[in-house]
Amino acid sequence: MTTTTRAQDAAHNTIPVSVITTCYGRNRHLYNLLASLAQGSVRPREVVIVNDDAEAERLADYDLNIIKIATTTATEHGVADSMSFDIGRNRNLGAARASYEAMIFLDVDCIVAYDFIDGLYDKLQTHPDALLMGQPRYLTRPLTDDEGSQLQQGQMASDALDQLSVFNPYRDNFTQHRNDNVDANIKKTQDYGAFWSLCFAIMRHQFERIGGFDTDYIGYGAEDTDFAFMARALDIDFYLTNDVVYHQQHSVYRPPLNHLDSIVINANRFYDKWQHWPMAGWLVAFAQLGLIDWQDEQTVPISINRQPSSAEIDAAHYSDAPYV
């Protein structure tokens, strides 16, 4: 690999960072993410997509160096088996394929702000041994086809996306207030439970120290927190930054009754490893519904009393909620 200076990179409007994303069946979101990456203040040197079903002709529409690698296994009929999709494993596959030491991981339902890549990359150069997480904002509705076209053409400004989005009031968010003792762009935190792999940056050597994502977690829940707890165990500093991504709106379940089985399996796995219960808000909700018996002080594995009914799952579904 040839070495270039930052000035040379700027002349070509790219910087030496690998962006890694993974998805299956979410290509509308994927194309919006790629549009925002292509129209940013700088472009990543490569975008690694762990994906089977994105259309090659659509990917060619974006002025990006896209590397697509397969994730799912094919059935005997040649159809991709989405049941084999595992987000932690696929992030690990993307990291293994990435060409650059600096890596930014983005969930497929992100749209990056104009200066997101540039800002987060610079902070990672300043803190190369740390784990950094960006600032999510949540779109309150899906983008229209026209808005998606504007995004691809670089005609949708961040202030328009700001007007369409909100902060999650249950998360730690940056404010616009600044004082002499506080850097309003980045802050170190000991709250590793606040980590969310929606938008984070890390150098390859630290990702490999952590061991990547633990693939013993299945389906939905806890792999993010496990990754952060491993970083804490290794004394890797954790910073929150003000670099914004916009989370594309999709339906949610409150609580996620549709993921009861995997949440219970993963909660038990996490407790066995860390002697701490993750996802406590969801476990409380499941216990209140009589689906499980659980208390924060318990030391025995959670077992499922019953499955939620179809009516309970339907009642928990919100078609237009910006966040869980």
Foldseek 3Di string as FASTA:
>chain_A
DDDDDPVVQVVVQEDAEEEEEEDEPPVVLQLLQLLLQQLASGHYQEYEYAYDDHDPVSVVLGPHHYHYDYDFDADPVRDGDCQSDFGQVSRVVSLVPRDGQKYKYAYSQKRFARCQVVLQVVVCVVQQQAKEFEFEWFFQAADDPVVSVCSNVNNQHVVNVVVRTGHDPVADHQDPDDDPVDDSFKDWDPPLLRFDSNIMMHGSVNCVQLPGFDRVQGDDDDSRSSSSVSCVVVVHIYMYGHGYIYGGWFKAFVVRLVCVVSLLVNQQVVCVVPVFGPPVVSVVVCVVVVQWDDDRPDNDRIDGPDRDDPVNRVVRMDGRGRDD
